[in-house]
Protein backbone atom coordinates (compact mmCIF):
# COMPACT_ATOMS: atom_id res chain seq x y z
CA ALA A 1 -25.18 -111.17 -95.57
CA SER A 2 -27.95 -113.12 -96.54
CA VAL A 3 -28.01 -113.94 -99.87
CA GLY A 4 -30.26 -115.71 -102.22
CA ALA A 5 -30.96 -117.34 -105.77
CA PRO A 6 -28.99 -114.83 -108.05
CA ALA A 7 -32.18 -114.22 -110.48
CA PHE A 8 -31.07 -113.02 -113.80
CA ALA A 9 -32.48 -110.06 -116.43
CA ARG A 10 -33.89 -111.68 -119.77
CA ARG A 11 -33.17 -110.15 -123.14
CA ALA A 12 -35.84 -108.20 -125.14
CA GLY A 13 -38.59 -110.73 -125.79
CA SER A 14 -37.12 -113.95 -124.91
CA ARG A 15 -38.70 -115.59 -122.47
CA ALA A 16 -34.82 -117.09 -121.05
CA GLU A 17 -32.22 -115.66 -123.15
CA PRO A 18 -30.39 -113.63 -120.15
CA SER A 19 -29.39 -109.98 -121.59
CA GLY A 20 -26.44 -109.66 -119.25
CA LEU A 21 -27.46 -108.48 -116.17
CA ILE A 22 -26.85 -110.88 -112.71
CA TYR A 23 -28.92 -109.59 -109.58
CA ALA A 24 -27.92 -111.70 -106.13
CA PRO A 25 -30.83 -110.10 -103.54
CA MET A 26 -28.31 -109.19 -100.28
CA THR A 27 -29.08 -107.84 -97.04
CA MET A 28 -26.24 -106.04 -95.97
CA GLU A 29 -25.42 -106.39 -92.09
CA ALA A 30 -22.66 -108.20 -89.68
CA PRO A 31 -22.15 -112.11 -89.87
CA ALA A 32 -24.66 -114.29 -88.34
CA TRP A 33 -21.47 -116.09 -86.64
CA GLU A 34 -18.55 -115.70 -85.56
CA VAL A 35 -15.57 -117.54 -87.36
CA ILE A 36 -12.90 -118.71 -84.55
CA VAL A 37 -9.70 -120.52 -85.93
CA ASP A 38 -7.98 -122.75 -83.48
CA ILE A 39 -10.70 -122.81 -80.90
CA GLU A 40 -13.17 -125.71 -80.34
CA VAL A 41 -16.41 -125.82 -78.82
CA VAL A 42 -17.41 -128.69 -76.68
CA CYS A 43 -20.91 -129.78 -76.60
CA GLY A 44 -22.18 -130.31 -72.68
CA ALA A 45 -22.94 -134.04 -73.06
CA GLY A 46 -25.54 -135.44 -75.07
CA GLU A 47 -26.01 -132.18 -76.02
CA ALA A 48 -24.11 -132.08 -80.20
CA ILE A 49 -26.35 -132.77 -82.89
CA GLU A 50 -23.55 -133.47 -85.22
CA LEU A 51 -23.80 -132.33 -89.18
CA GLY A 52 -21.63 -135.16 -90.61
CA ALA A 53 -17.86 -134.56 -92.23
CA HIS A 54 -17.99 -131.25 -93.76
CA THR A 55 -15.09 -128.39 -95.20
CA ARG A 56 -15.03 -125.45 -93.01
CA ASP A 57 -17.38 -123.77 -94.45
CA GLY A 58 -19.57 -126.70 -95.65
CA CYS A 59 -20.09 -126.93 -92.10
CA LEU A 60 -20.76 -123.38 -91.07
CA ALA A 61 -23.57 -123.00 -94.01
CA ARG A 62 -25.36 -126.48 -92.96
CA ALA A 63 -24.90 -125.12 -89.05
CA ASP A 64 -27.00 -121.85 -90.63
CA ILE A 65 -29.78 -123.10 -93.08
CA GLY A 66 -30.33 -125.91 -89.48
CA VAL A 67 -30.69 -122.52 -87.45
CA GLN A 68 -32.38 -121.34 -89.89
CA HIS A 69 -34.68 -122.99 -91.19
CA GLY A 70 -36.08 -124.54 -87.56
CA TRP A 71 -34.63 -127.86 -88.66
CA HIS A 72 -31.83 -128.01 -85.63
CA ALA A 73 -31.98 -125.32 -82.50
CA GLY A 74 -28.22 -124.24 -82.15
CA ALA A 75 -26.06 -121.01 -80.90
CA ALA A 76 -22.59 -123.03 -81.65
CA ALA A 77 -21.62 -124.92 -83.84
CA VAL A 78 -17.28 -126.94 -84.35
CA TRP A 79 -15.87 -127.95 -87.53
CA ARG A 80 -12.83 -130.93 -86.69
CA GLY A 81 -10.45 -129.56 -89.83
CA ALA A 82 -7.69 -131.96 -88.02
CA THR A 83 -9.06 -134.84 -87.39
CA ASP A 84 -11.78 -136.36 -88.86
CA GLY A 85 -13.23 -132.64 -90.31
CA SER A 86 -16.80 -133.35 -88.80
CA CYS A 87 -19.25 -130.54 -87.82
CA ALA A 88 -21.57 -130.31 -84.00
CA LEU A 89 -24.23 -128.00 -83.98
CA CYS A 90 -25.09 -127.28 -79.68
CA ALA A 91 -26.77 -124.61 -77.83
CA ALA A 92 -23.91 -123.24 -76.21
CA GLY A 93 -20.82 -124.62 -74.81
CA SER A 94 -17.15 -123.95 -73.26
CA PRO A 95 -14.24 -122.63 -75.29
CA ARG A 96 -10.83 -124.99 -75.44
CA HIS A 97 -7.84 -124.53 -77.27
CA ARG A 98 -7.14 -126.97 -80.41
CA GLU A 99 -4.97 -126.95 -83.39
CA GLY A 100 -7.21 -126.83 -86.65
CA ALA A 101 -10.16 -126.53 -84.65
CA VAL A 102 -12.93 -123.62 -86.87
CA SER A 103 -16.15 -122.83 -83.90
CA PHE A 104 -18.44 -120.95 -85.31
CA VAL A 105 -20.76 -118.46 -82.75
CA ARG A 106 -23.83 -117.21 -83.73
CA ARG A 107 -24.17 -113.43 -83.06
CA ALA A 108 -27.37 -112.42 -81.19
CA ARG A 109 -29.88 -110.31 -83.65
CA PRO A 110 -30.97 -106.79 -81.63
CA ALA A 111 -34.90 -107.17 -81.59
CA LEU A 112 -37.42 -105.37 -84.48
CA THR A 113 -38.55 -103.01 -83.21
CA PRO A 114 -42.61 -102.14 -84.83
CA ILE A 115 -42.55 -98.91 -87.67
CA GLY A 116 -46.33 -97.72 -86.45
CA HIS A 117 -47.67 -94.62 -83.94
CA GLY A 118 -45.76 -94.88 -80.37
CA GLY A 119 -44.28 -98.72 -81.40
CA LYS A 120 -48.35 -99.88 -82.05
CA GLY A 121 -46.98 -101.07 -85.93
CA GLY A 122 -48.67 -100.76 -88.49
CA GLY A 123 -49.51 -96.88 -89.90
CA ASP A 124 -47.52 -94.51 -92.25
CA GLY A 125 -44.98 -93.32 -89.72
C-alpha cells in the first residue's frame, strides 16, 4: 500500500481543532517491493548507489522514495544488517546467501489501460 500523510477532520467551527476523525489516504495493491531475508543482492561493478547507513525499514523507505521521485534508478536494494547497516540500490543484481542481509526487489507493475472508446482514452466509456 502506498500511504500519504494523514489528515484529520476539523471540529465544526474550528480552523485547527481535530474532531477525532483521521484519514490516511492509501492505495491498496500489492506492495511495490518484495522483501527477501538472508539474501544479498550483489550489484554489478560501479553500479551500486550507496544510500548510507539505515535501519532495515529506513533502507526500504529511502530506496522507494528515491525511485518514486526519479532521484535514483533501481530495481533492487540491499540492507547489510549483519555488517555495517549500509543500504545500496542498483538496477539489478545476482542474489547470494548472507545471514542478516535483507534484499528488496521491485515488483513489475502492469501497464495501465486507458479508459475510453476502443482503448483510445477520453470519453465516458
